[in-house]
Amino acid sequence: MGCDRNCGLIAGAVIGAVLAVFGGILMPVGDMLIEKKIKKETVLEEGTLAFKNWVKTGTEVYRQFWIFDVQNPEDVAVNSSKIKVKQRGPYTYRVRYLAKENITHDSKTHTVSFLQPNGAIFEPSLSVGPENDTFTVLNLAVAAAPHLYPNVFIQGVLNSLIKKSKSSMFQKRTLKELLWGYKDPFLSLVPYPITTTVGVFYPYNNTADGVYKVFSGKDDISKVAIIDTYKGKKNLSYWPSYCDMINGTDAASFPPFIEKTQVLQFFSSDICRKTCVYFTSSFSICKS
């Protein structure tokens, strides 16, 4: 009985030791295999999971707007009073829902070039009001005219056209008109071949952003999706020094193995510069 007990203890100890040794060997091997698989699947090339999700993101992307509604337009125009505004928003649009186009791979430089089609769909459930909400805002065409054409004679002609079109320094426009464009009555009377449509983001729908050229990560996985050039340039010529550089990704994806201490950089063509994101905290969206 004593021998059986001792033999059992010895056998258990031996088996435990063997399993510990195998575990110590297999765990690093398993980590290496997992890392190798991740590196393979995150390269931006045909057939990988990353490429499929990169071409058309499965995550919904939204853009929100807040509009400053002028409260005392007559007082400002007549008495040069201090302007009073009321912030209204958010008004939310879904963007980046269209698949990338004109995708071209360059095996020599390990880069991928593409165009990002533009489109915006209004999301009423995420907005404070409908797309036809009206705002009193600065008339961009009227305000810009004297600065673009300082000649006294030309300004006289423009002033007559402003009066004829019944335009003024301030105007009422819907959210849709302000963002995506409207036919300006003053510009429509200008006897020259100019664009008569005004909008903060005009033209947007049915246009494309790019060409972007990003690294595929084939030779260096830490560079995957990072922008090499935008419209053939590495700098924009808009900002001084470092701010003018095109850094980071287009925010559609990032390299794998990112640490919480890392700063994520992405380039936004809307503001023509890069911006940064810092980790602050973790949270769960799972419902129990």
Protein backbone atom coordinates (compact mmCIF):
# COMPACT_ATOMS: atom_id res chain seq x y z
CA MET A 1 0.00 0.00 0.00
CA GLY A 2 2.86 2.39 0.91
CA CYS A 3 4.66 1.54 -2.33
CA ASP A 4 1.53 2.20 -4.38
CA ARG A 5 1.06 5.55 -2.68
CA ASN A 6 4.69 6.56 -3.18
CA CYS A 7 4.65 5.37 -6.78
CA GLY A 8 1.53 7.41 -7.43
CA LEU A 9 3.08 10.53 -5.93
CA ILE A 10 6.27 10.04 -7.92
CA ALA A 11 4.33 9.41 -11.14
CA GLY A 12 2.21 12.51 -10.54
CA ALA A 13 5.29 14.61 -9.87
CA VAL A 14 6.98 13.32 -13.03
CA ILE A 15 3.90 13.95 -15.17
CA GLY A 16 3.55 17.44 -13.68
CA ALA A 17 7.18 18.21 -14.37
CA VAL A 18 6.89 16.95 -17.95
CA LEU A 19 3.75 19.06 -18.53
CA ALA A 20 5.47 22.10 -17.05
CA VAL A 21 8.43 21.61 -19.38
CA PHE A 22 6.16 21.15 -22.39
CA GLY A 23 4.12 24.18 -21.34
CA GLY A 24 7.24 26.29 -21.02
CA ILE A 25 8.28 25.21 -24.51
CA LEU A 26 4.88 25.34 -26.22
CA MET A 27 3.70 28.70 -24.84
CA PRO A 28 6.41 30.74 -26.61
CA VAL A 29 5.92 28.60 -29.72
CA GLY A 30 2.19 29.25 -29.57
CA ASP A 31 2.78 32.98 -29.16
CA MET A 32 5.13 32.93 -32.14
CA LEU A 33 2.56 31.10 -34.28
CA ILE A 34 -0.19 33.54 -33.28
CA GLU A 35 2.04 36.53 -33.97
CA LYS A 36 3.01 35.08 -37.35
CA LYS A 37 -0.67 34.55 -38.23
CA ILE A 38 -1.57 38.10 -37.20
CA LYS A 39 1.26 39.55 -39.27
CA LYS A 40 0.13 37.53 -42.27
CA GLU A 41 -3.54 38.53 -41.99
CA THR A 42 -2.94 42.25 -41.35
CA VAL A 43 -0.96 42.88 -44.53
CA LEU A 44 -2.93 44.93 -47.06
CA GLU A 45 -3.02 42.47 -49.94
CA GLU A 46 -5.66 40.38 -51.68
CA GLY A 47 -6.94 37.50 -49.57
CA THR A 48 -6.18 38.79 -46.07
CA LEU A 49 -8.79 39.66 -43.45
CA ALA A 50 -7.31 43.12 -43.00
CA PHE A 51 -7.54 43.90 -46.70
CA LYS A 52 -11.22 42.95 -46.85
CA ASN A 53 -12.09 45.15 -43.87
CA TRP A 54 -9.84 47.95 -45.12
CA VAL A 55 -11.46 48.16 -48.57
CA LYS A 56 -14.88 48.69 -47.00
CA THR A 57 -14.95 49.25 -43.27
CA GLY A 58 -17.55 47.31 -41.32
CA THR A 59 -17.56 49.92 -38.56
CA GLU A 60 -19.97 52.81 -38.90
CA VAL A 61 -18.22 56.18 -39.10
CA TYR A 62 -20.07 59.40 -38.26
CA ARG A 63 -19.36 63.09 -38.69
CA GLN A 64 -21.15 65.62 -36.49
CA PHE A 65 -21.72 69.33 -37.01
CA TRP A 66 -22.62 72.21 -34.72
CA ILE A 67 -23.88 75.44 -36.32
CA PHE A 68 -23.64 78.95 -34.83
CA ASP A 69 -27.01 80.62 -35.38
CA VAL A 70 -26.80 84.45 -35.44
CA GLN A 71 -29.36 85.96 -33.04
CA ASN A 72 -29.07 89.69 -33.90
CA PRO A 73 -28.34 90.04 -37.65
CA GLU A 74 -30.13 93.40 -38.13
CA ASP A 75 -28.42 94.95 -35.13
CA VAL A 76 -25.02 93.87 -36.43
CA ALA A 77 -25.65 95.07 -39.98
CA VAL A 78 -27.17 98.45 -39.02
CA ASN A 79 -25.41 99.38 -35.78
CA SER A 80 -22.21 97.30 -36.04
CA SER A 81 -23.16 95.70 -32.73
CA LYS A 82 -21.33 92.76 -31.26
CA ILE A 83 -22.62 89.59 -32.84
CA LYS A 84 -24.61 87.15 -30.70
CA VAL A 85 -24.75 83.49 -31.65
CA LYS A 86 -26.40 80.32 -30.39
CA GLN A 87 -24.73 76.96 -30.91
CA ARG A 88 -27.06 74.27 -32.27
CA GLY A 89 -26.20 70.64 -32.78
CA PRO A 90 -25.13 67.97 -33.18
CA TYR A 91 -26.32 67.15 -36.68
CA THR A 92 -24.96 63.75 -37.62
CA TYR A 93 -24.05 62.17 -40.95
CA ARG A 94 -22.78 58.71 -41.69
CA VAL A 95 -19.63 58.83 -43.84
CA ARG A 96 -16.92 56.49 -45.13
CA TYR A 97 -19.48 53.79 -45.98
CA LEU A 98 -18.39 53.43 -49.62
CA ALA A 99 -15.67 50.98 -50.65
CA LYS A 100 -12.30 52.30 -51.78
CA GLU A 101 -11.80 52.53 -55.53
CA ASN A 102 -8.95 52.35 -58.07
CA ILE A 103 -6.90 50.14 -55.72
CA THR A 104 -3.41 49.58 -57.14
CA HIS A 105 -0.61 47.53 -55.55
CA ASP A 106 3.09 48.29 -56.00
CA SER A 107 5.19 45.28 -55.02
CA LYS A 108 8.46 47.21 -55.35
CA THR A 109 7.62 49.91 -52.81
CA HIS A 110 5.17 47.73 -50.82
CA THR A 111 2.45 50.36 -51.14
CA VAL A 112 -1.23 50.47 -52.10
CA SER A 113 -2.84 53.43 -53.89
CA PHE A 114 -6.56 54.18 -53.81
CA LEU A 115 -9.36 56.74 -54.00
CA GLN A 116 -11.88 57.15 -51.17
CA PRO A 117 -15.36 57.96 -52.56
CA ASN A 118 -17.22 60.64 -50.61
CA GLY A 119 -20.78 60.27 -49.43
CA ALA A 120 -22.86 61.49 -46.49
CA ILE A 121 -26.16 60.12 -45.20
CA PHE A 122 -28.11 62.14 -42.65
CA GLU A 123 -28.85 60.30 -39.38
CA PRO A 124 -31.99 61.82 -37.77
CA SER A 125 -31.80 59.58 -34.68
CA LEU A 126 -28.36 61.00 -33.81
CA SER A 127 -29.27 64.62 -34.54
CA VAL A 128 -31.10 67.36 -32.60
CA GLY A 129 -33.30 68.23 -35.55
CA PRO A 130 -34.04 67.54 -39.23
CA GLU A 131 -31.77 68.37 -42.14
CA ASN A 132 -34.06 71.25 -43.15
CA ASP A 133 -33.52 73.15 -39.87
CA THR A 134 -32.92 76.82 -40.73
CA PHE A 135 -30.09 79.04 -39.48
CA THR A 136 -29.18 82.70 -39.78
CA VAL A 137 -25.57 82.79 -40.92
CA LEU A 138 -23.05 85.02 -42.66
CA ASN A 139 -23.57 85.32 -46.41
CA LEU A 140 -20.21 84.01 -47.58
CA ALA A 141 -20.49 85.32 -51.14
CA VAL A 142 -21.44 88.86 -50.08
CA ALA A 143 -18.82 88.99 -47.32
CA ALA A 144 -16.01 87.72 -49.55
CA ALA A 145 -16.68 89.92 -52.61
CA PRO A 146 -14.99 93.16 -51.42
CA HIS A 147 -11.92 91.25 -50.25
CA LEU A 148 -11.55 89.35 -53.50
CA TYR A 149 -12.12 92.43 -55.67
CA PRO A 150 -10.73 95.57 -53.93
CA ASN A 151 -11.01 97.71 -57.09
CA VAL A 152 -13.48 100.57 -56.45
CA PHE A 153 -15.19 100.29 -59.83
CA ILE A 154 -15.66 96.52 -59.55
CA GLN A 155 -16.98 96.89 -56.01
CA GLY A 156 -19.56 99.37 -57.28
CA VAL A 157 -20.73 96.84 -59.87
CA LEU A 158 -20.84 94.07 -57.27
CA ASN A 159 -22.84 96.23 -54.85
CA SER A 160 -25.44 96.87 -57.53
CA LEU A 161 -25.69 93.11 -58.17
CA ILE A 162 -26.02 92.44 -54.43
CA LYS A 163 -28.94 94.88 -54.22
CA LYS A 164 -30.51 93.53 -57.39
CA SER A 165 -30.40 89.98 -56.02
CA LYS A 166 -31.84 91.21 -52.69
CA SER A 167 -28.88 89.70 -50.85
CA SER A 168 -27.46 91.01 -47.57
CA MET A 169 -24.64 90.36 -45.11
CA PHE A 170 -26.69 87.67 -43.35
CA GLN A 171 -28.99 85.04 -44.79
CA LYS A 172 -31.25 82.17 -43.73
CA ARG A 173 -30.23 78.75 -44.99
CA THR A 174 -31.04 75.15 -44.12
CA LEU A 175 -28.43 72.80 -42.71
CA LYS A 176 -28.40 70.87 -45.98
CA GLU A 177 -27.79 74.03 -47.99
CA LEU A 178 -25.01 75.27 -45.71
CA LEU A 179 -23.07 72.02 -45.79
CA TRP A 180 -23.65 70.62 -49.25
CA GLY A 181 -24.37 73.68 -51.37
CA TYR A 182 -27.00 76.10 -52.71
CA LYS A 183 -27.34 78.37 -55.72
CA ASP A 184 -26.38 81.86 -54.61
CA PRO A 185 -28.66 84.58 -56.13
CA PHE A 186 -25.91 87.22 -56.07
CA LEU A 187 -23.31 85.06 -57.80
CA SER A 188 -25.90 83.98 -60.36
CA LEU A 189 -26.07 87.60 -61.59
CA VAL A 190 -22.30 88.01 -62.03
CA PRO A 191 -21.69 88.25 -65.81
CA TYR A 192 -18.63 86.00 -65.71
CA PRO A 193 -18.17 82.21 -65.85
CA ILE A 194 -17.87 81.54 -62.11
CA THR A 195 -19.19 78.85 -59.79
CA THR A 196 -22.57 79.97 -58.48
CA THR A 197 -23.00 77.18 -55.92
CA VAL A 198 -21.79 77.86 -52.37
CA GLY A 199 -21.41 75.32 -49.55
CA VAL A 200 -18.92 74.55 -46.80
CA PHE A 201 -18.30 71.06 -48.21
CA TYR A 202 -19.41 71.64 -51.80
CA PRO A 203 -18.78 69.57 -53.83
CA TYR A 204 -18.83 66.41 -51.69
CA ASN A 205 -21.27 63.66 -52.68
CA ASN A 206 -20.27 61.83 -55.86
CA THR A 207 -16.66 63.01 -55.51
CA ALA A 208 -13.57 61.15 -54.28
CA ASP A 209 -10.76 61.95 -51.87
CA GLY A 210 -7.19 61.15 -52.83
CA VAL A 211 -5.16 59.67 -54.40
CA TYR A 212 -3.78 58.11 -51.21
CA LYS A 213 -0.71 55.88 -51.23
CA VAL A 214 -0.24 53.82 -48.05
CA PHE A 215 2.20 51.12 -46.98
CA SER A 216 0.92 47.55 -47.28
CA GLY A 217 3.03 46.26 -44.38
CA LYS A 218 4.45 43.44 -46.49
CA ASP A 219 8.04 44.33 -45.63
CA ASP A 220 7.37 46.00 -42.26
CA ILE A 221 4.11 45.26 -40.43
CA SER A 222 4.55 48.31 -38.18
CA LYS A 223 4.00 50.54 -41.25
CA VAL A 224 0.76 48.93 -42.47
CA ALA A 225 -1.87 51.50 -43.58
CA ILE A 226 0.43 54.45 -42.80
CA ILE A 227 0.22 57.11 -45.51
CA ASP A 228 3.25 57.53 -47.75
CA THR A 229 1.81 60.29 -49.96
CA TYR A 230 -1.48 62.16 -50.43
CA LYS A 231 -2.16 63.44 -53.94
CA GLY A 232 1.46 62.66 -54.71
CA LYS A 233 2.82 64.80 -51.86
CA LYS A 234 4.41 64.16 -48.48
CA ASN A 235 3.77 67.77 -47.40
CA LEU A 236 0.75 70.02 -47.94
CA SER A 237 2.36 73.49 -48.10
CA TYR A 238 -0.39 74.86 -45.81
CA TRP A 239 1.24 74.80 -42.37
CA PRO A 240 4.68 75.69 -41.00
CA SER A 241 7.30 73.03 -40.20
CA TYR A 242 6.18 69.68 -38.72
CA CYS A 243 2.45 70.48 -38.84
CA ASP A 244 2.58 70.38 -42.64
CA MET A 245 3.72 66.74 -42.79
CA ILE A 246 1.29 63.99 -43.76
CA ASN A 247 1.62 61.43 -40.97
CA GLY A 248 -0.36 58.46 -39.69
CA THR A 249 -3.14 56.49 -41.40
CA ASP A 250 -6.46 57.59 -42.89
CA ALA A 251 -8.11 56.33 -39.65
CA ALA A 252 -9.64 53.33 -41.43
CA SER A 253 -7.07 50.99 -39.84
CA PHE A 254 -3.88 50.98 -37.79
CA PRO A 255 -0.86 48.67 -37.47
CA PRO A 256 -1.20 45.66 -35.11
CA PHE A 257 0.45 45.22 -31.70
CA ILE A 258 -0.32 48.78 -30.60
CA GLU A 259 0.53 49.60 -26.99
CA LYS A 260 -1.63 51.80 -24.77
CA THR A 261 1.27 54.21 -24.41
CA GLN A 262 1.47 54.81 -28.16
CA VAL A 263 0.03 57.92 -29.77
CA LEU A 264 -2.16 57.13 -32.78
CA GLN A 265 -1.84 59.59 -35.65
CA PHE A 266 -4.22 59.95 -38.56
CA PHE A 267 -4.56 62.41 -41.42
CA SER A 268 -7.81 64.28 -42.10
CA SER A 269 -8.16 65.80 -45.55
CA ASP A 270 -11.09 67.95 -44.33
CA ILE A 271 -8.78 70.03 -42.13
CA CYS A 272 -5.69 69.33 -44.25
CA ARG A 273 -3.52 68.11 -41.38
CA LYS A 274 -2.87 65.21 -39.05
CA THR A 275 -4.38 64.78 -35.62
CA CYS A 276 -3.54 62.53 -32.67
CA VAL A 277 -5.45 60.18 -30.38
CA TYR A 278 -4.31 59.20 -26.88
CA PHE A 279 -5.46 56.26 -24.78
CA THR A 280 -7.35 57.37 -21.67
CA SER A 281 -9.36 54.41 -20.38
CA SER A 282 -10.95 51.06 -21.21
CA PHE A 283 -14.67 50.34 -21.30
CA SER A 284 -17.01 47.54 -22.29
CA ILE A 285 -20.05 47.80 -24.54
CA CYS A 286 -21.23 44.26 -23.80
CA LYS A 287 -24.59 43.98 -22.03
CA SER A 288 -24.95 41.43 -19.26
